[in-house]
Amino acid sequence: MQPSSESILAEALKLPDDEKMVIVSRLLEALPPEDLALSVDDPQFAEELQRRFADREGGIPWPELHAEG
């Protein structure tokens, strides 16, 4: 039986932050270019990702954000 996206996500969330960033980058790279509004090769996008990763103060935890949706 193949693991579900939820079980994969649950395991990925247990990883250290730097490994999570690697997974995010790899997943974005795996998407077809036409599906990306911004490319991981776009310097502004990469800068924004780094800024958000470095500034976790004031961020909304995923469970809280997910509950709002």
PDB file of N, CA and C in Angstrom:
ATOM      1  N   MET A   1       0.838  -1.180   0.000  1.00  0.00           N
ATOM      2  CA  MET A   1       0.000   0.000   0.000  1.00  0.00           C
ATOM      3  C   MET A   1       0.882   1.242   0.000  1.00  0.00           C
ATOM      4  N   GLN A   2       0.542   2.179  -0.833  1.00  0.00           N
ATOM      5  CA  GLN A   2       1.311   3.410  -0.972  1.00  0.00           C
ATOM      6  C   GLN A   2       0.944   4.391   0.149  1.00  0.00           C
ATOM      7  N   PRO A   3       1.936   5.089   0.719  1.00  0.00           N
ATOM      8  CA  PRO A   3       1.620   6.050   1.788  1.00  0.00           C
ATOM      9  C   PRO A   3       0.807   7.225   1.245  1.00  0.00           C
ATOM     10  N   SER A   4      -0.060   7.764   2.092  1.00  0.00           N
ATOM     11  CA  SER A   4      -0.884   8.907   1.685  1.00  0.00           C
ATOM     12  C   SER A   4      -0.088  10.196   1.823  1.00  0.00           C
ATOM     13  N   SER A   5      -0.564  11.228   1.155  1.00  0.00           N
ATOM     14  CA  SER A   5       0.104  12.530   1.274  1.00  0.00           C
ATOM     15  C   SER A   5       0.081  13.015   2.717  1.00  0.00           C
ATOM     16  N   GLU A   6      -0.983  12.711   3.454  1.00  0.00           N
ATOM     17  CA  GLU A   6      -1.072  13.123   4.859  1.00  0.00           C
ATOM     18  C   GLU A   6      -0.016  12.425   5.712  1.00  0.00           C
ATOM     19  N   SER A   7       0.217  11.142   5.466  1.00  0.00           N
ATOM     20  CA  SER A   7       1.220  10.425   6.258  1.00  0.00           C
ATOM     21  C   SER A   7       2.626  10.896   5.896  1.00  0.00           C
ATOM     22  N   ILE A   8       2.838  11.201   4.620  1.00  0.00           N
ATOM     23  CA  ILE A   8       4.140  11.729   4.202  1.00  0.00           C
ATOM     24  C   ILE A   8       4.364  13.098   4.832  1.00  0.00           C
ATOM     25  N   LEU A   9       3.337  13.946   4.819  1.00  0.00           N
ATOM     26  CA  LEU A   9       3.446  15.268   5.426  1.00  0.00           C
ATOM     27  C   LEU A   9       3.722  15.163   6.922  1.00  0.00           C
ATOM     28  N   ALA A  10       3.027  14.273   7.598  1.00  0.00           N
ATOM     29  CA  ALA A  10       3.231  14.099   9.041  1.00  0.00           C
ATOM     30  C   ALA A  10       4.687  13.736   9.338  1.00  0.00           C
ATOM     31  N   GLU A  11       5.258  12.868   8.529  1.00  0.00           N
ATOM     32  CA  GLU A  11       6.654  12.485   8.731  1.00  0.00           C
ATOM     33  C   GLU A  11       7.598  13.637   8.387  1.00  0.00           C
ATOM     34  N   ALA A  12       7.297  14.345   7.305  1.00  0.00           N
ATOM     35  CA  ALA A  12       8.145  15.470   6.899  1.00  0.00           C
ATOM     36  C   ALA A  12       8.161  16.560   7.953  1.00  0.00           C
ATOM     37  N   LEU A  13       7.046  16.784   8.620  1.00  0.00           N
ATOM     38  CA  LEU A  13       6.977  17.825   9.646  1.00  0.00           C
ATOM     39  C   LEU A  13       7.821  17.507  10.873  1.00  0.00           C
ATOM     40  N   LYS A  14       8.224  16.259  11.014  1.00  0.00           N
ATOM     41  CA  LYS A  14       9.088  15.856  12.131  1.00  0.00           C
ATOM     42  C   LYS A  14      10.561  16.176  11.862  1.00  0.00           C
ATOM     43  N   LEU A  15      10.881  16.504  10.622  1.00  0.00           N
ATOM     44  CA  LEU A  15      12.272  16.762  10.236  1.00  0.00           C
ATOM     45  C   LEU A  15      12.745  18.118  10.754  1.00  0.00           C
ATOM     46  N   PRO A  16      14.067  18.280  10.879  1.00  0.00           N
ATOM     47  CA  PRO A  16      14.613  19.600  11.217  1.00  0.00           C
ATOM     48  C   PRO A  16      14.289  20.597  10.098  1.00  0.00           C
ATOM     49  N   ASP A  17      14.245  21.870  10.440  1.00  0.00           N
ATOM     50  CA  ASP A  17      13.858  22.907   9.489  1.00  0.00           C
ATOM     51  C   ASP A  17      14.688  22.904   8.215  1.00  0.00           C
ATOM     52  N   ASP A  18      15.990  22.682   8.325  1.00  0.00           N
ATOM     53  CA  ASP A  18      16.814  22.715   7.117  1.00  0.00           C
ATOM     54  C   ASP A  18      16.445  21.575   6.163  1.00  0.00           C
ATOM     55  N   GLU A  19      16.075  20.430   6.697  1.00  0.00           N
ATOM     56  CA  GLU A  19      15.668  19.322   5.843  1.00  0.00           C
ATOM     57  C   GLU A  19      14.285  19.578   5.240  1.00  0.00           C
ATOM     58  N   LYS A  20      13.421  20.260   5.972  1.00  0.00           N
ATOM     59  CA  LYS A  20      12.116  20.643   5.415  1.00  0.00           C
ATOM     60  C   LYS A  20      12.310  21.564   4.215  1.00  0.00           C
ATOM     61  N   MET A  21      13.249  22.513   4.326  1.00  0.00           N
ATOM     62  CA  MET A  21      13.517  23.431   3.220  1.00  0.00           C
ATOM     63  C   MET A  21      14.011  22.676   1.989  1.00  0.00           C
ATOM     64  N   VAL A  22      14.804  21.656   2.191  1.00  0.00           N
ATOM     65  CA  VAL A  22      15.284  20.842   1.067  1.00  0.00           C
ATOM     66  C   VAL A  22      14.094  20.176   0.382  1.00  0.00           C
ATOM     67  N   ILE A  23      13.187  19.633   1.169  1.00  0.00           N
ATOM     68  CA  ILE A  23      12.015  18.969   0.591  1.00  0.00           C
ATOM     69  C   ILE A  23      11.153  19.964  -0.170  1.00  0.00           C
ATOM     70  N   VAL A  24      10.927  21.138   0.402  1.00  0.00           N
ATOM     71  CA  VAL A  24      10.126  22.164  -0.277  1.00  0.00           C
ATOM     72  C   VAL A  24      10.764  22.515  -1.611  1.00  0.00           C
ATOM     73  N   SER A  25      12.046  22.756  -1.606  1.00  0.00           N
ATOM     74  CA  SER A  25      12.756  23.113  -2.839  1.00  0.00           C
ATOM     75  C   SER A  25      12.647  22.004  -3.879  1.00  0.00           C
ATOM     76  N   ARG A  26      12.835  20.774  -3.440  1.00  0.00           N
ATOM     77  CA  ARG A  26      12.784  19.645  -4.373  1.00  0.00           C
ATOM     78  C   ARG A  26      11.383  19.456  -4.944  1.00  0.00           C
ATOM     79  N   LEU A  27      10.358  19.648  -4.114  1.00  0.00           N
ATOM     80  CA  LEU A  27       8.983  19.536  -4.605  1.00  0.00           C
ATOM     81  C   LEU A  27       8.674  20.631  -5.621  1.00  0.00           C
ATOM     82  N   LEU A  28       9.109  21.852  -5.333  1.00  0.00           N
ATOM     83  CA  LEU A  28       8.887  22.942  -6.283  1.00  0.00           C
ATOM     84  C   LEU A  28       9.597  22.678  -7.601  1.00  0.00           C
ATOM     85  N   GLU A  29      10.794  22.131  -7.518  1.00  0.00           N
ATOM     86  CA  GLU A  29      11.547  21.816  -8.738  1.00  0.00           C
ATOM     87  C   GLU A  29      10.861  20.720  -9.545  1.00  0.00           C
ATOM     88  N   ALA A  30      10.098  19.862  -8.880  1.00  0.00           N
ATOM     89  CA  ALA A  30       9.445  18.743  -9.551  1.00  0.00           C
ATOM     90  C   ALA A  30       8.184  19.158 -10.302  1.00  0.00           C
ATOM     91  N   LEU A  31       7.647  20.345 -10.005  1.00  0.00           N
ATOM     92  CA  LEU A  31       6.442  20.811 -10.687  1.00  0.00           C
ATOM     93  C   LEU A  31       6.773  21.291 -12.089  1.00  0.00           C
ATOM     94  N   PRO A  32       5.856  21.084 -13.025  1.00  0.00           N
ATOM     95  CA  PRO A  32       6.072  21.616 -14.377  1.00  0.00           C
ATOM     96  C   PRO A  32       6.181  23.136 -14.323  1.00  0.00           C
ATOM     97  N   PRO A  33       7.054  23.733 -15.128  1.00  0.00           N
ATOM     98  CA  PRO A  33       7.276  25.186 -15.087  1.00  0.00           C
ATOM     99  C   PRO A  33       6.004  26.010 -15.236  1.00  0.00           C
ATOM    100  N   GLU A  34       5.076  25.557 -16.055  1.00  0.00           N
ATOM    101  CA  GLU A  34       3.861  26.344 -16.260  1.00  0.00           C
ATOM    102  C   GLU A  34       2.968  26.369 -15.023  1.00  0.00           C
ATOM    103  N   ASP A  35       3.213  25.459 -14.073  1.00  0.00           N
ATOM    104  CA  ASP A  35       2.417  25.429 -12.848  1.00  0.00           C
ATOM    105  C   ASP A  35       2.959  26.359 -11.763  1.00  0.00           C
ATOM    106  N   LEU A  36       4.114  26.916 -11.999  1.00  0.00           N
ATOM    107  CA  LEU A  36       4.740  27.763 -10.986  1.00  0.00           C
ATOM    108  C   LEU A  36       4.504  29.236 -11.286  1.00  0.00           C
ATOM    109  N   ALA A  37       3.935  29.932 -10.336  1.00  0.00           N
ATOM    110  CA  ALA A  37       3.778  31.378 -10.486  1.00  0.00           C
ATOM    111  C   ALA A  37       5.144  32.036 -10.348  1.00  0.00           C
ATOM    112  N   LEU A  38       5.966  31.493  -9.465  1.00  0.00           N
ATOM    113  CA  LEU A  38       7.330  31.972  -9.264  1.00  0.00           C
ATOM    114  C   LEU A  38       8.268  30.773  -9.350  1.00  0.00           C
ATOM    115  N   SER A  39       9.416  30.985  -9.901  1.00  0.00           N
ATOM    116  CA  SER A  39      10.398  29.923 -10.018  1.00  0.00           C
ATOM    117  C   SER A  39      11.341  29.951  -8.822  1.00  0.00           C
ATOM    118  N   VAL A  40      11.807  28.780  -8.420  1.00  0.00           N
ATOM    119  CA  VAL A  40      12.806  28.733  -7.356  1.00  0.00           C
ATOM    120  C   VAL A  40      14.108  29.349  -7.834  1.00  0.00           C
ATOM    121  N   ASP A  41      14.247  29.516  -9.148  1.00  0.00           N
ATOM    122  CA  ASP A  41      15.430  30.167  -9.700  1.00  0.00           C
ATOM    123  C   ASP A  41      15.304  31.686  -9.684  1.00  0.00           C
ATOM    124  N   ASP A  42      14.106  32.197  -9.414  1.00  0.00           N
ATOM    125  CA  ASP A  42      13.869  33.637  -9.349  1.00  0.00           C
ATOM    126  C   ASP A  42      14.534  34.177  -8.080  1.00  0.00           C
ATOM    127  N   PRO A  43      15.505  35.082  -8.212  1.00  0.00           N
ATOM    128  CA  PRO A  43      16.215  35.593  -7.035  1.00  0.00           C
ATOM    129  C   PRO A  43      15.287  36.232  -6.011  1.00  0.00           C
ATOM    130  N   GLN A  44      14.237  36.902  -6.448  1.00  0.00           N
ATOM    131  CA  GLN A  44      13.311  37.528  -5.501  1.00  0.00           C
ATOM    132  C   GLN A  44      12.534  36.478  -4.713  1.00  0.00           C
ATOM    133  N   PHE A  45      12.159  35.401  -5.388  1.00  0.00           N
ATOM    134  CA  PHE A  45      11.444  34.328  -4.711  1.00  0.00           C
ATOM    135  C   PHE A  45      12.354  33.645  -3.690  1.00  0.00           C
ATOM    136  N   ALA A  46      13.581  33.340  -4.093  1.00  0.00           N
ATOM    137  CA  ALA A  46      14.539  32.711  -3.186  1.00  0.00           C
ATOM    138  C   ALA A  46      14.820  33.623  -1.995  1.00  0.00           C
ATOM    139  N   GLU A  47      14.939  34.920  -2.240  1.00  0.00           N
ATOM    140  CA  GLU A  47      15.172  35.883  -1.164  1.00  0.00           C
ATOM    141  C   GLU A  47      13.987  35.906  -0.192  1.00  0.00           C
ATOM    142  N   GLU A  48      12.782  35.874  -0.725  1.00  0.00           N
ATOM    143  CA  GLU A  48      11.586  35.869   0.121  1.00  0.00           C
ATOM    144  C   GLU A  48      11.502  34.594   0.955  1.00  0.00           C
ATOM    145  N   LEU A  49      11.817  33.447   0.355  1.00  0.00           N
ATOM    146  CA  LEU A  49      11.837  32.204   1.117  1.00  0.00           C
ATOM    147  C   LEU A  49      12.840  32.278   2.263  1.00  0.00           C
ATOM    148  N   GLN A  50      14.029  32.787   1.965  1.00  0.00           N
ATOM    149  CA  GLN A  50      15.053  32.906   3.003  1.00  0.00           C
ATOM    150  C   GLN A  50      14.616  33.869   4.106  1.00  0.00           C
ATOM    151  N   ARG A  51      13.990  34.992   3.714  1.00  0.00           N
ATOM    152  CA  ARG A  51      13.531  35.968   4.696  1.00  0.00           C
ATOM    153  C   ARG A  51      12.489  35.336   5.618  1.00  0.00           C
ATOM    154  N   ARG A  52      11.537  34.621   5.032  1.00  0.00           N
ATOM    155  CA  ARG A  52      10.483  34.006   5.844  1.00  0.00           C
ATOM    156  C   ARG A  52      11.041  32.910   6.736  1.00  0.00           C
ATOM    157  N   PHE A  53      11.996  32.156   6.218  1.00  0.00           N
ATOM    158  CA  PHE A  53      12.601  31.096   7.028  1.00  0.00           C
ATOM    159  C   PHE A  53      13.358  31.694   8.202  1.00  0.00           C
ATOM    160  N   ALA A  54      14.081  32.799   7.963  1.00  0.00           N
ATOM    161  CA  ALA A  54      14.867  33.439   9.017  1.00  0.00           C
ATOM    162  C   ALA A  54      13.992  34.180  10.025  1.00  0.00           C
ATOM    163  N   ASP A  55      12.840  34.677   9.582  1.00  0.00           N
ATOM    164  CA  ASP A  55      11.971  35.469  10.443  1.00  0.00           C
ATOM    165  C   ASP A  55      10.711  34.687  10.786  1.00  0.00           C
ATOM    166  N   ARG A  56      10.875  33.737  11.673  1.00  0.00           N
ATOM    167  CA  ARG A  56       9.730  32.918  12.046  1.00  0.00           C
ATOM    168  C   ARG A  56       8.883  33.581  13.126  1.00  0.00           C
ATOM    169  N   GLU A  57       9.383  34.679  13.708  1.00  0.00           N
ATOM    170  CA  GLU A  57       8.611  35.462  14.675  1.00  0.00           C
ATOM    171  C   GLU A  57       7.397  36.035  13.967  1.00  0.00           C
ATOM    172  N   GLY A  58       6.269  35.966  14.596  1.00  0.00           N
ATOM    173  CA  GLY A  58       5.078  36.557  14.007  1.00  0.00           C
ATOM    174  C   GLY A  58       4.406  35.680  12.972  1.00  0.00           C
ATOM    175  N   GLY A  59       4.993  34.519  12.701  1.00  0.00           N
ATOM    176  CA  GLY A  59       4.377  33.613  11.751  1.00  0.00           C
ATOM    177  C   GLY A  59       3.154  32.940  12.357  1.00  0.00           C
ATOM    178  N   ILE A  60       2.297  32.464  11.510  1.00  0.00           N
ATOM    179  CA  ILE A  60       1.101  31.765  11.971  1.00  0.00           C
ATOM    180  C   ILE A  60       1.360  30.267  11.850  1.00  0.00           C
ATOM    181  N   PRO A  61       1.260  29.525  12.946  1.00  0.00           N
ATOM    182  CA  PRO A  61       1.467  28.080  12.872  1.00  0.00           C
ATOM    183  C   PRO A  61       0.467  27.436  11.909  1.00  0.00           C
ATOM    184  N   TRP A  62       0.914  26.403  11.197  1.00  0.00           N
ATOM    185  CA  TRP A  62       0.077  25.757  10.199  1.00  0.00           C
ATOM    186  C   TRP A  62      -1.290  25.326  10.758  1.00  0.00           C
ATOM    187  N   PRO A  63      -1.381  24.683  11.910  1.00  0.00           N
ATOM    188  CA  PRO A  63      -2.713  24.259  12.389  1.00  0.00           C
ATOM    189  C   PRO A  63      -3.670  25.457  12.539  1.00  0.00           C
ATOM    190  N   GLU A  64      -3.133  26.577  13.005  1.00  0.00           N
ATOM    191  CA  GLU A  64      -3.951  27.771  13.165  1.00  0.00           C
ATOM    192  C   GLU A  64      -4.382  28.312  11.801  1.00  0.00           C
ATOM    193  N   LEU A  65      -3.441  28.375  10.872  1.00  0.00           N
ATOM    194  CA  LEU A  65      -3.744  28.879   9.536  1.00  0.00           C
ATOM    195  C   LEU A  65      -4.728  27.957   8.829  1.00  0.00           C
ATOM    196  N   HIS A  66      -4.520  26.665   8.971  1.00  0.00           N
ATOM    197  CA  HIS A  66      -5.383  25.673   8.338  1.00  0.00           C
ATOM    198  C   HIS A  66      -6.813  25.763   8.895  1.00  0.00           C
ATOM    199  N   ALA A  67      -6.948  26.029  10.195  1.00  0.00           N
ATOM    200  CA  ALA A  67      -8.264  26.163  10.824  1.00  0.00           C
ATOM    201  C   ALA A  67      -9.026  27.366  10.299  1.00  0.00           C
ATOM    202  N   GLU A  68      -8.288  28.411   9.898  1.00  0.00           N
ATOM    203  CA  GLU A  68      -8.923  29.624   9.369  1.00  0.00           C
ATOM    204  C   GLU A  68      -9.536  29.382   7.997  1.00  0.00           C
ATOM    205  N   GLY A  69      -8.932  28.450   7.228  1.00  0.00           N
ATOM    206  CA  GLY A  69      -9.362  28.194   5.855  1.00  0.00           C
ATOM    207  C   GLY A  69     -10.585  27.407   5.814  1.00  0.00           C
TER     208      GLY A  69
END
